[in-house]
Amino acid sequence: MLITVAHFDFPWEAQLARARLESEGIEAWVADEHTVGMQWLYCNALGGVRVQVDAEDLHLARTILGEDRSADVEAQAGSTPMICPCCGSSRTRYRAVGRRLAFLVFLGIDFPLFPVRHSVECDDCGARSRLYR
């Protein structure tokens, strides 16, 4: 008997989760992938694109999909973190500024007038600095 272990909005996200589970030796299937691909408006009605596993593998599959592997990806890619200009900390993250306002203006006049800017926010001191690219 197959049990749904995760729901996704896009088929490619479900395929990545399936590949992750199969790399750990858990057989997994993707359900409703083609239906959502052809009629994307049905996504919420169907519960999204579902990744399903056997009932005996459910707990292990949830554990595997719940792991945060971002540190492994960053170590393999060799990325360097942004440094906060105020305190020098490397505990920073990207943040989009103006997204909510741009969305509300788009809803009001059907045209986005306010661009979304990107900034870097420091987790240690809370400072925000504009990201120039």
N, C-alpha and C. Protein backbone atom coordinates (compact mmCIF):
# COMPACT_ATOMS: atom_id res chain seq x y z
N MET A 1 0.84 -1.18 0.00
CA MET A 1 0.00 0.00 0.00
C MET A 1 0.89 1.25 0.00
N LEU A 2 0.59 2.17 -0.89
CA LEU A 2 1.39 3.39 -1.00
C LEU A 2 0.79 4.49 -0.12
N ILE A 3 1.68 5.22 0.55
CA ILE A 3 1.28 6.32 1.41
C ILE A 3 2.02 7.58 0.96
N THR A 4 1.32 8.68 0.91
CA THR A 4 1.92 9.95 0.49
C THR A 4 2.83 10.47 1.59
N VAL A 5 4.07 10.75 1.22
CA VAL A 5 5.05 11.25 2.18
C VAL A 5 5.26 12.75 2.04
N ALA A 6 4.98 13.32 0.86
CA ALA A 6 5.17 14.75 0.64
C ALA A 6 4.30 15.23 -0.51
N HIS A 7 3.94 16.51 -0.45
CA HIS A 7 3.16 17.18 -1.50
C HIS A 7 4.00 18.32 -2.06
N PHE A 8 3.92 18.53 -3.36
CA PHE A 8 4.67 19.61 -4.01
C PHE A 8 3.78 20.32 -5.01
N ASP A 9 4.11 21.58 -5.28
CA ASP A 9 3.34 22.36 -6.25
C ASP A 9 3.78 22.09 -7.69
N PHE A 10 5.03 21.74 -7.87
CA PHE A 10 5.58 21.55 -9.22
C PHE A 10 6.10 20.13 -9.38
N PRO A 11 5.94 19.54 -10.57
CA PRO A 11 6.41 18.17 -10.80
C PRO A 11 7.92 18.01 -10.61
N TRP A 12 8.70 19.01 -10.96
CA TRP A 12 10.15 18.87 -10.83
C TRP A 12 10.58 18.77 -9.37
N GLU A 13 9.85 19.43 -8.46
CA GLU A 13 10.16 19.31 -7.04
C GLU A 13 9.91 17.89 -6.55
N ALA A 14 8.82 17.30 -7.01
CA ALA A 14 8.50 15.93 -6.62
C ALA A 14 9.52 14.94 -7.18
N GLN A 15 9.99 15.20 -8.39
CA GLN A 15 11.00 14.31 -8.98
C GLN A 15 12.32 14.39 -8.22
N LEU A 16 12.67 15.59 -7.74
CA LEU A 16 13.88 15.71 -6.92
C LEU A 16 13.75 14.94 -5.61
N ALA A 17 12.58 15.02 -4.99
CA ALA A 17 12.35 14.28 -3.75
C ALA A 17 12.38 12.78 -4.01
N ARG A 18 11.78 12.34 -5.11
CA ARG A 18 11.81 10.91 -5.46
C ARG A 18 13.23 10.44 -5.68
N ALA A 19 14.03 11.23 -6.39
CA ALA A 19 15.43 10.86 -6.64
C ALA A 19 16.22 10.81 -5.35
N ARG A 20 15.94 11.73 -4.43
CA ARG A 20 16.62 11.73 -3.13
C ARG A 20 16.30 10.46 -2.35
N LEU A 21 15.03 10.07 -2.35
CA LEU A 21 14.64 8.85 -1.64
C LEU A 21 15.24 7.61 -2.29
N GLU A 22 15.23 7.56 -3.61
CA GLU A 22 15.79 6.39 -4.29
C GLU A 22 17.30 6.31 -4.14
N SER A 23 17.97 7.44 -3.97
CA SER A 23 19.42 7.40 -3.72
C SER A 23 19.74 6.81 -2.35
N GLU A 24 18.76 6.85 -1.44
CA GLU A 24 18.93 6.25 -0.10
C GLU A 24 18.37 4.83 -0.04
N GLY A 25 17.90 4.29 -1.16
CA GLY A 25 17.43 2.92 -1.21
C GLY A 25 15.95 2.74 -0.94
N ILE A 26 15.18 3.81 -0.95
CA ILE A 26 13.74 3.74 -0.72
C ILE A 26 13.05 3.91 -2.07
N GLU A 27 12.23 2.93 -2.43
CA GLU A 27 11.51 3.00 -3.69
C GLU A 27 10.36 4.00 -3.54
N ALA A 28 10.25 4.95 -4.47
CA ALA A 28 9.25 6.01 -4.39
C ALA A 28 8.60 6.22 -5.74
N TRP A 29 7.37 6.74 -5.71
CA TRP A 29 6.60 7.01 -6.91
C TRP A 29 6.05 8.44 -6.86
N VAL A 30 5.86 9.02 -8.03
CA VAL A 30 5.29 10.36 -8.13
C VAL A 30 3.89 10.21 -8.71
N ALA A 31 2.89 10.76 -8.00
CA ALA A 31 1.50 10.67 -8.44
C ALA A 31 0.99 12.03 -8.87
N ASP A 32 0.13 12.04 -9.86
CA ASP A 32 -0.53 13.23 -10.40
C ASP A 32 0.43 14.22 -11.05
N GLU A 33 1.57 13.73 -11.46
CA GLU A 33 2.57 14.59 -12.10
C GLU A 33 2.07 15.11 -13.45
N HIS A 34 1.53 14.23 -14.26
CA HIS A 34 1.10 14.62 -15.60
C HIS A 34 -0.21 15.41 -15.57
N THR A 35 -1.07 15.11 -14.62
CA THR A 35 -2.32 15.86 -14.51
C THR A 35 -2.03 17.31 -14.16
N VAL A 36 -1.17 17.53 -13.18
CA VAL A 36 -0.81 18.90 -12.79
C VAL A 36 -0.02 19.57 -13.90
N GLY A 37 0.80 18.81 -14.61
CA GLY A 37 1.56 19.38 -15.72
C GLY A 37 0.68 19.88 -16.85
N MET A 38 -0.42 19.18 -17.10
CA MET A 38 -1.33 19.58 -18.18
C MET A 38 -2.39 20.57 -17.72
N GLN A 39 -2.92 20.41 -16.53
CA GLN A 39 -3.95 21.29 -15.98
C GLN A 39 -3.48 21.80 -14.62
N TRP A 40 -2.64 22.81 -14.62
CA TRP A 40 -2.03 23.27 -13.38
C TRP A 40 -3.04 23.85 -12.41
N LEU A 41 -4.22 24.22 -12.89
CA LEU A 41 -5.25 24.73 -11.99
C LEU A 41 -5.81 23.65 -11.07
N TYR A 42 -5.61 22.39 -11.43
CA TYR A 42 -6.07 21.28 -10.60
C TYR A 42 -5.12 20.98 -9.45
N CYS A 43 -4.00 21.64 -9.37
CA CYS A 43 -2.97 21.31 -8.38
C CYS A 43 -3.52 21.31 -6.96
N ASN A 44 -4.20 22.37 -6.55
CA ASN A 44 -4.73 22.44 -5.19
C ASN A 44 -5.85 21.44 -4.97
N ALA A 45 -6.67 21.22 -5.97
CA ALA A 45 -7.78 20.27 -5.83
C ALA A 45 -7.28 18.84 -5.63
N LEU A 46 -6.17 18.50 -6.28
CA LEU A 46 -5.61 17.16 -6.16
C LEU A 46 -4.71 17.00 -4.95
N GLY A 47 -4.37 18.09 -4.31
CA GLY A 47 -3.42 18.02 -3.20
C GLY A 47 -1.99 18.13 -3.66
N GLY A 48 -1.78 18.67 -4.84
CA GLY A 48 -0.44 18.85 -5.36
C GLY A 48 0.09 17.58 -6.02
N VAL A 49 1.35 17.64 -6.42
CA VAL A 49 2.03 16.46 -6.95
C VAL A 49 2.55 15.69 -5.74
N ARG A 50 2.18 14.42 -5.65
CA ARG A 50 2.46 13.64 -4.45
C ARG A 50 3.61 12.67 -4.66
N VAL A 51 4.46 12.55 -3.65
CA VAL A 51 5.50 11.52 -3.62
C VAL A 51 5.03 10.45 -2.66
N GLN A 52 4.98 9.21 -3.15
CA GLN A 52 4.44 8.12 -2.35
C GLN A 52 5.49 7.03 -2.15
N VAL A 53 5.42 6.41 -0.97
CA VAL A 53 6.33 5.31 -0.62
C VAL A 53 5.50 4.19 0.00
N ASP A 54 6.14 3.03 0.17
CA ASP A 54 5.48 1.93 0.87
C ASP A 54 5.29 2.30 2.33
N ALA A 55 4.30 1.69 2.96
CA ALA A 55 3.97 2.02 4.35
C ALA A 55 5.12 1.75 5.31
N GLU A 56 5.89 0.70 5.08
CA GLU A 56 7.00 0.38 6.00
C GLU A 56 8.18 1.35 5.87
N ASP A 57 8.24 2.11 4.77
CA ASP A 57 9.33 3.07 4.57
C ASP A 57 8.93 4.50 4.92
N LEU A 58 7.73 4.70 5.43
CA LEU A 58 7.21 6.05 5.64
C LEU A 58 8.05 6.87 6.62
N HIS A 59 8.38 6.32 7.77
CA HIS A 59 9.12 7.07 8.79
C HIS A 59 10.51 7.45 8.29
N LEU A 60 11.21 6.50 7.67
CA LEU A 60 12.55 6.78 7.15
C LEU A 60 12.50 7.81 6.02
N ALA A 61 11.47 7.72 5.16
CA ALA A 61 11.34 8.68 4.06
C ALA A 61 11.10 10.09 4.59
N ARG A 62 10.26 10.24 5.61
CA ARG A 62 10.04 11.56 6.20
C ARG A 62 11.32 12.11 6.83
N THR A 63 12.09 11.25 7.45
CA THR A 63 13.36 11.68 8.04
C THR A 63 14.32 12.17 6.97
N ILE A 64 14.42 11.43 5.88
CA ILE A 64 15.34 11.79 4.79
C ILE A 64 14.92 13.10 4.14
N LEU A 65 13.62 13.25 3.86
CA LEU A 65 13.16 14.48 3.21
C LEU A 65 13.20 15.68 4.15
N GLY A 66 13.22 15.45 5.45
CA GLY A 66 13.27 16.54 6.42
C GLY A 66 14.68 17.04 6.71
N GLU A 67 15.70 16.36 6.21
CA GLU A 67 17.08 16.77 6.46
C GLU A 67 17.40 18.06 5.72
N ASP A 68 18.21 18.90 6.36
CA ASP A 68 18.69 20.13 5.72
C ASP A 68 20.09 19.85 5.18
N ARG A 69 20.20 19.73 3.88
CA ARG A 69 21.48 19.41 3.24
C ARG A 69 22.11 20.63 2.59
N SER A 70 21.67 21.83 2.94
CA SER A 70 22.18 23.03 2.30
C SER A 70 23.67 23.25 2.60
N ALA A 71 24.13 22.87 3.78
CA ALA A 71 25.55 23.03 4.11
C ALA A 71 26.42 22.14 3.22
N ASP A 72 25.94 20.94 2.90
CA ASP A 72 26.69 20.05 2.01
C ASP A 72 26.79 20.62 0.61
N VAL A 73 25.69 21.21 0.13
CA VAL A 73 25.69 21.80 -1.20
C VAL A 73 26.63 23.00 -1.26
N GLU A 74 26.59 23.83 -0.22
CA GLU A 74 27.49 24.99 -0.20
C GLU A 74 28.95 24.57 -0.11
N ALA A 75 29.24 23.52 0.65
CA ALA A 75 30.61 23.04 0.75
C ALA A 75 31.09 22.47 -0.58
N GLN A 76 30.23 21.76 -1.29
CA GLN A 76 30.60 21.18 -2.57
C GLN A 76 30.75 22.25 -3.64
N ALA A 77 29.88 23.25 -3.62
CA ALA A 77 29.93 24.31 -4.63
C ALA A 77 31.03 25.32 -4.33
N GLY A 78 31.47 25.39 -3.09
CA GLY A 78 32.53 26.31 -2.73
C GLY A 78 32.07 27.75 -2.63
N SER A 79 30.85 27.98 -2.19
CA SER A 79 30.34 29.34 -2.10
C SER A 79 30.91 30.03 -0.87
N THR A 80 31.05 31.34 -0.98
CA THR A 80 31.52 32.12 0.16
C THR A 80 30.37 32.98 0.66
N PRO A 81 30.17 33.03 1.98
CA PRO A 81 29.05 33.81 2.50
C PRO A 81 29.32 35.31 2.39
N MET A 82 28.24 36.07 2.33
CA MET A 82 28.36 37.53 2.33
C MET A 82 28.79 37.98 3.72
N ILE A 83 29.61 38.99 3.80
CA ILE A 83 30.09 39.53 5.06
C ILE A 83 29.31 40.81 5.36
N CYS A 84 28.83 40.93 6.60
CA CYS A 84 28.10 42.12 7.02
C CYS A 84 29.06 43.31 7.08
N PRO A 85 28.73 44.43 6.43
CA PRO A 85 29.61 45.60 6.47
C PRO A 85 29.62 46.29 7.83
N CYS A 86 28.61 46.04 8.68
CA CYS A 86 28.54 46.71 9.98
C CYS A 86 29.35 45.99 11.06
N CYS A 87 29.16 44.66 11.17
CA CYS A 87 29.81 43.94 12.26
C CYS A 87 30.83 42.91 11.79
N GLY A 88 30.89 42.62 10.49
CA GLY A 88 31.86 41.67 9.96
C GLY A 88 31.45 40.22 10.10
N SER A 89 30.22 39.95 10.49
CA SER A 89 29.75 38.58 10.68
C SER A 89 29.48 37.93 9.33
N SER A 90 29.65 36.61 9.28
CA SER A 90 29.34 35.87 8.06
C SER A 90 27.98 35.20 8.14
N ARG A 91 27.25 35.43 9.23
CA ARG A 91 25.89 34.87 9.39
C ARG A 91 24.88 35.83 8.74
N THR A 92 24.84 35.83 7.43
CA THR A 92 23.97 36.71 6.68
C THR A 92 23.05 35.90 5.79
N ARG A 93 21.97 36.53 5.31
CA ARG A 93 21.05 35.88 4.40
C ARG A 93 20.48 36.92 3.45
N TYR A 94 20.07 36.46 2.28
CA TYR A 94 19.46 37.34 1.29
C TYR A 94 18.03 37.65 1.69
N ARG A 95 17.59 38.84 1.37
CA ARG A 95 16.22 39.26 1.69
C ARG A 95 15.71 40.16 0.56
N ALA A 96 14.49 39.90 0.11
CA ALA A 96 13.87 40.72 -0.92
C ALA A 96 13.12 41.86 -0.24
N VAL A 97 13.37 43.08 -0.67
CA VAL A 97 12.74 44.26 -0.09
C VAL A 97 11.77 44.83 -1.11
N GLY A 98 10.54 45.09 -0.68
CA GLY A 98 9.56 45.70 -1.55
C GLY A 98 8.67 44.72 -2.29
N ARG A 99 8.79 43.45 -2.00
CA ARG A 99 7.99 42.45 -2.71
C ARG A 99 6.50 42.61 -2.41
N ARG A 100 6.15 42.83 -1.15
CA ARG A 100 4.74 42.95 -0.78
C ARG A 100 4.11 44.19 -1.42
N LEU A 101 4.81 45.31 -1.38
CA LEU A 101 4.29 46.53 -1.98
C LEU A 101 4.14 46.39 -3.49
N ALA A 102 5.11 45.76 -4.14
CA ALA A 102 5.02 45.56 -5.58
C ALA A 102 3.84 44.67 -5.93
N PHE A 103 3.58 43.65 -5.11
CA PHE A 103 2.44 42.77 -5.37
C PHE A 103 1.12 43.50 -5.20
N LEU A 104 1.00 44.34 -4.16
CA LEU A 104 -0.24 45.08 -3.95
C LEU A 104 -0.50 46.09 -5.06
N VAL A 105 0.55 46.75 -5.53
CA VAL A 105 0.39 47.69 -6.64
C VAL A 105 0.00 46.94 -7.91
N PHE A 106 0.59 45.76 -8.12
CA PHE A 106 0.24 44.95 -9.28
C PHE A 106 -1.23 44.54 -9.24
N LEU A 107 -1.73 44.18 -8.05
CA LEU A 107 -3.14 43.83 -7.93
C LEU A 107 -4.05 45.03 -8.20
N GLY A 108 -3.61 46.21 -7.78
CA GLY A 108 -4.44 47.40 -7.94
C GLY A 108 -4.51 47.92 -9.36
N ILE A 109 -3.39 47.96 -10.06
CA ILE A 109 -3.39 48.57 -11.40
C ILE A 109 -2.90 47.63 -12.49
N ASP A 110 -2.67 46.38 -12.15
CA ASP A 110 -2.22 45.36 -13.10
C ASP A 110 -0.91 45.70 -13.79
N PHE A 111 -0.07 46.44 -13.11
CA PHE A 111 1.23 46.76 -13.66
C PHE A 111 2.21 46.96 -12.50
N PRO A 112 3.31 46.25 -12.48
CA PRO A 112 4.25 46.39 -11.35
C PRO A 112 5.10 47.66 -11.49
N LEU A 113 4.85 48.64 -10.67
CA LEU A 113 5.61 49.89 -10.72
C LEU A 113 6.83 49.88 -9.81
N PHE A 114 6.77 49.13 -8.74
CA PHE A 114 7.86 49.14 -7.76
C PHE A 114 8.74 47.91 -7.96
N PRO A 115 9.99 48.11 -8.28
CA PRO A 115 10.87 46.95 -8.45
C PRO A 115 11.22 46.36 -7.09
N VAL A 116 11.49 45.08 -7.10
CA VAL A 116 11.91 44.39 -5.88
C VAL A 116 13.43 44.48 -5.81
N ARG A 117 13.93 45.01 -4.71
CA ARG A 117 15.38 45.12 -4.50
C ARG A 117 15.83 43.97 -3.60
N HIS A 118 17.06 43.61 -3.74
CA HIS A 118 17.63 42.56 -2.91
C HIS A 118 18.61 43.18 -1.92
N SER A 119 18.59 42.65 -0.71
CA SER A 119 19.51 43.14 0.30
C SER A 119 20.04 41.95 1.09
N VAL A 120 21.05 42.23 1.89
CA VAL A 120 21.65 41.22 2.76
C VAL A 120 21.33 41.62 4.18
N GLU A 121 20.76 40.69 4.95
CA GLU A 121 20.41 40.96 6.34
C GLU A 121 21.31 40.13 7.24
N CYS A 122 21.88 40.77 8.25
CA CYS A 122 22.79 40.11 9.18
C CYS A 122 21.97 39.50 10.33
N ASP A 123 22.25 38.24 10.66
CA ASP A 123 21.57 37.58 11.76
C ASP A 123 22.11 38.02 13.12
N ASP A 124 23.33 38.53 13.17
CA ASP A 124 23.92 38.93 14.45
C ASP A 124 23.51 40.33 14.87
N CYS A 125 23.68 41.32 13.98
CA CYS A 125 23.39 42.71 14.38
C CYS A 125 22.07 43.23 13.80
N GLY A 126 21.47 42.52 12.84
CA GLY A 126 20.19 42.93 12.27
C GLY A 126 20.29 44.00 11.20
N ALA A 127 21.48 44.39 10.82
CA ALA A 127 21.65 45.43 9.81
C ALA A 127 21.30 44.90 8.43
N ARG A 128 20.75 45.79 7.60
CA ARG A 128 20.45 45.47 6.21
C ARG A 128 21.29 46.34 5.31
N SER A 129 21.89 45.72 4.33
CA SER A 129 22.66 46.49 3.35
C SER A 129 22.19 46.10 1.97
N ARG A 130 22.18 47.05 1.07
CA ARG A 130 21.70 46.81 -0.29
C ARG A 130 22.70 45.96 -1.05
N LEU A 131 22.16 45.02 -1.81
CA LEU A 131 23.00 44.13 -2.59
C LEU A 131 23.14 44.69 -3.99
N TYR A 132 24.34 44.96 -4.39
CA TYR A 132 24.61 45.50 -5.72
C TYR A 132 25.11 44.36 -6.60
N ARG A 133 24.50 44.22 -7.75
CA ARG A 133 24.94 43.18 -8.70
C ARG A 133 25.22 43.78 -10.03
